[in-house]
């Protein structure tokens, strides 16, 4: 497994729109519980969902 130090990674701010991601999970809409987002970041596939965070190396 390839591990990288978190502070050596590029800023996630440049990779995703954090405000848009926050709006998806702001809790105002009950349908938000079924939403998940997957994106690539610094050689990893990141999945964010309701009570879920998964980070895996890109295969």
N, C-alpha and C. Protein backbone atom coordinates (compact mmCIF):
# COMPACT_ATOMS: atom_id res chain seq x y z
N UNK A 1 0.84 -1.18 0.00
CA UNK A 1 0.00 0.00 0.00
C UNK A 1 0.89 1.24 0.00
N UNK A 2 0.59 2.16 -0.87
CA UNK A 2 1.33 3.42 -0.96
C UNK A 2 0.68 4.44 -0.02
N UNK A 3 1.45 4.92 0.92
CA UNK A 3 0.92 5.92 1.85
C UNK A 3 1.65 7.23 1.65
N UNK A 4 0.89 8.30 1.72
CA UNK A 4 1.48 9.63 1.58
C UNK A 4 1.13 10.45 2.81
N UNK A 5 2.02 11.30 3.18
CA UNK A 5 1.76 12.17 4.32
C UNK A 5 0.72 13.20 3.91
N UNK A 6 -0.30 13.41 4.73
CA UNK A 6 -1.38 14.35 4.37
C UNK A 6 -0.88 15.75 3.99
N UNK A 7 0.12 16.24 4.68
CA UNK A 7 0.61 17.59 4.39
C UNK A 7 1.41 17.67 3.09
N UNK A 8 1.77 16.50 2.52
CA UNK A 8 2.49 16.50 1.25
C UNK A 8 1.54 16.51 0.05
N UNK A 9 0.24 16.33 0.30
CA UNK A 9 -0.74 16.31 -0.78
C UNK A 9 -1.08 17.72 -1.25
N UNK A 10 -1.45 17.87 -2.52
CA UNK A 10 -1.88 19.19 -2.99
C UNK A 10 -3.18 19.59 -2.30
N UNK A 11 -3.44 20.86 -2.28
CA UNK A 11 -4.64 21.37 -1.63
C UNK A 11 -5.90 20.77 -2.26
N UNK A 12 -6.77 20.21 -1.43
CA UNK A 12 -8.02 19.66 -1.94
C UNK A 12 -8.93 20.78 -2.46
N UNK A 13 -8.70 21.97 -1.97
CA UNK A 13 -9.47 23.14 -2.42
C UNK A 13 -9.35 23.32 -3.93
N UNK A 14 -8.21 22.95 -4.50
CA UNK A 14 -8.00 23.07 -5.94
C UNK A 14 -8.61 21.91 -6.72
N UNK A 15 -9.00 20.84 -6.02
CA UNK A 15 -9.51 19.64 -6.69
C UNK A 15 -11.03 19.54 -6.70
N UNK A 16 -11.69 20.11 -5.69
CA UNK A 16 -13.16 20.00 -5.60
C UNK A 16 -13.77 21.35 -5.22
N UNK A 17 -15.04 21.47 -5.43
CA UNK A 17 -15.79 22.65 -4.99
C UNK A 17 -16.38 22.30 -3.63
N UNK A 18 -15.70 22.72 -2.57
CA UNK A 18 -16.10 22.35 -1.21
C UNK A 18 -17.49 22.88 -0.86
N UNK A 19 -17.85 24.06 -1.33
CA UNK A 19 -19.18 24.61 -1.05
C UNK A 19 -20.27 23.75 -1.67
N UNK A 20 -20.07 23.30 -2.90
CA UNK A 20 -21.06 22.45 -3.56
C UNK A 20 -21.19 21.12 -2.83
N UNK A 21 -20.06 20.56 -2.40
CA UNK A 21 -20.10 19.31 -1.65
C UNK A 21 -20.84 19.48 -0.33
N UNK A 22 -20.59 20.57 0.36
CA UNK A 22 -21.27 20.84 1.63
C UNK A 22 -22.78 21.00 1.42
N UNK A 23 -23.18 21.65 0.34
CA UNK A 23 -24.61 21.84 0.07
C UNK A 23 -25.33 20.51 -0.17
N UNK A 24 -24.61 19.54 -0.75
CA UNK A 24 -25.22 18.23 -0.97
C UNK A 24 -25.58 17.53 0.33
N UNK A 25 -24.79 17.78 1.36
CA UNK A 25 -24.94 17.07 2.63
C UNK A 25 -25.38 17.97 3.77
N UNK A 26 -26.05 19.07 3.46
CA UNK A 26 -26.38 20.04 4.53
C UNK A 26 -27.54 19.61 5.41
N UNK A 27 -28.23 18.51 5.08
CA UNK A 27 -29.27 17.97 5.94
C UNK A 27 -30.64 18.57 5.78
N UNK A 28 -30.80 19.51 4.89
CA UNK A 28 -32.11 20.14 4.69
C UNK A 28 -33.07 19.24 3.94
N UNK A 29 -32.55 18.38 3.11
CA UNK A 29 -33.38 17.53 2.27
C UNK A 29 -33.17 16.07 2.70
N UNK A 30 -34.24 15.39 3.02
CA UNK A 30 -34.12 14.00 3.46
C UNK A 30 -33.54 13.11 2.38
N UNK A 31 -33.67 13.51 1.11
CA UNK A 31 -33.09 12.72 0.01
C UNK A 31 -31.57 12.76 0.05
N UNK A 32 -31.00 13.73 0.76
CA UNK A 32 -29.54 13.84 0.84
C UNK A 32 -28.92 12.61 1.49
N UNK A 33 -29.71 11.87 2.25
CA UNK A 33 -29.18 10.67 2.92
C UNK A 33 -28.74 9.62 1.90
N UNK A 34 -29.25 9.69 0.69
CA UNK A 34 -28.92 8.71 -0.34
C UNK A 34 -27.88 9.21 -1.34
N UNK A 35 -27.31 10.37 -1.10
CA UNK A 35 -26.37 10.96 -2.04
C UNK A 35 -24.95 10.52 -1.71
N UNK A 36 -24.19 10.24 -2.74
CA UNK A 36 -22.78 9.94 -2.60
C UNK A 36 -22.02 10.59 -3.75
N UNK A 37 -20.79 10.98 -3.49
CA UNK A 37 -19.96 11.63 -4.51
C UNK A 37 -18.62 10.91 -4.54
N UNK A 38 -18.15 10.61 -5.74
CA UNK A 38 -16.85 9.98 -5.92
C UNK A 38 -16.02 10.85 -6.85
N UNK A 39 -14.76 11.08 -6.46
CA UNK A 39 -13.87 11.88 -7.31
C UNK A 39 -12.44 11.40 -7.10
N UNK A 40 -11.57 11.76 -8.03
CA UNK A 40 -10.16 11.40 -7.94
C UNK A 40 -9.39 12.59 -7.38
N UNK A 41 -8.43 12.26 -6.51
CA UNK A 41 -7.62 13.29 -5.88
C UNK A 41 -6.25 12.71 -5.56
N UNK A 42 -5.23 13.29 -6.14
CA UNK A 42 -3.83 12.96 -5.82
C UNK A 42 -3.53 11.46 -5.90
N UNK A 43 -4.08 10.79 -6.92
CA UNK A 43 -3.82 9.38 -7.10
C UNK A 43 -4.73 8.46 -6.30
N UNK A 44 -5.77 9.02 -5.71
CA UNK A 44 -6.72 8.24 -4.92
C UNK A 44 -8.14 8.46 -5.44
N UNK A 45 -8.99 7.47 -5.23
CA UNK A 45 -10.42 7.62 -5.48
C UNK A 45 -11.07 7.86 -4.12
N UNK A 46 -11.76 9.00 -4.00
CA UNK A 46 -12.38 9.40 -2.75
C UNK A 46 -13.89 9.32 -2.92
N UNK A 47 -14.56 8.64 -1.99
CA UNK A 47 -16.02 8.56 -1.99
C UNK A 47 -16.52 9.15 -0.69
N UNK A 48 -17.46 10.09 -0.81
CA UNK A 48 -18.05 10.75 0.35
C UNK A 48 -19.55 10.53 0.27
N UNK A 49 -20.15 10.10 1.36
CA UNK A 49 -21.58 9.90 1.44
C UNK A 49 -22.05 10.12 2.86
N UNK A 50 -23.32 9.91 3.08
CA UNK A 50 -23.87 10.05 4.42
C UNK A 50 -23.21 9.02 5.33
N UNK A 51 -22.44 9.46 6.28
CA UNK A 51 -21.71 8.61 7.23
C UNK A 51 -20.73 7.68 6.53
N UNK A 52 -20.15 8.12 5.40
CA UNK A 52 -19.19 7.30 4.66
C UNK A 52 -18.06 8.17 4.13
N UNK A 53 -16.84 7.71 4.32
CA UNK A 53 -15.69 8.31 3.68
C UNK A 53 -14.76 7.16 3.33
N UNK A 54 -14.46 7.02 2.03
CA UNK A 54 -13.60 5.96 1.56
C UNK A 54 -12.50 6.59 0.70
N UNK A 55 -11.25 6.20 0.95
CA UNK A 55 -10.10 6.68 0.18
C UNK A 55 -9.32 5.46 -0.24
N UNK A 56 -9.22 5.25 -1.55
CA UNK A 56 -8.51 4.08 -2.10
C UNK A 56 -7.57 4.52 -3.20
N UNK A 57 -6.42 3.87 -3.31
CA UNK A 57 -5.52 4.19 -4.42
C UNK A 57 -6.22 3.91 -5.76
N UNK A 58 -5.96 4.77 -6.74
CA UNK A 58 -6.51 4.56 -8.08
C UNK A 58 -5.88 3.30 -8.64
N UNK A 59 -6.71 2.43 -9.16
CA UNK A 59 -6.20 1.17 -9.72
C UNK A 59 -5.96 1.29 -11.19
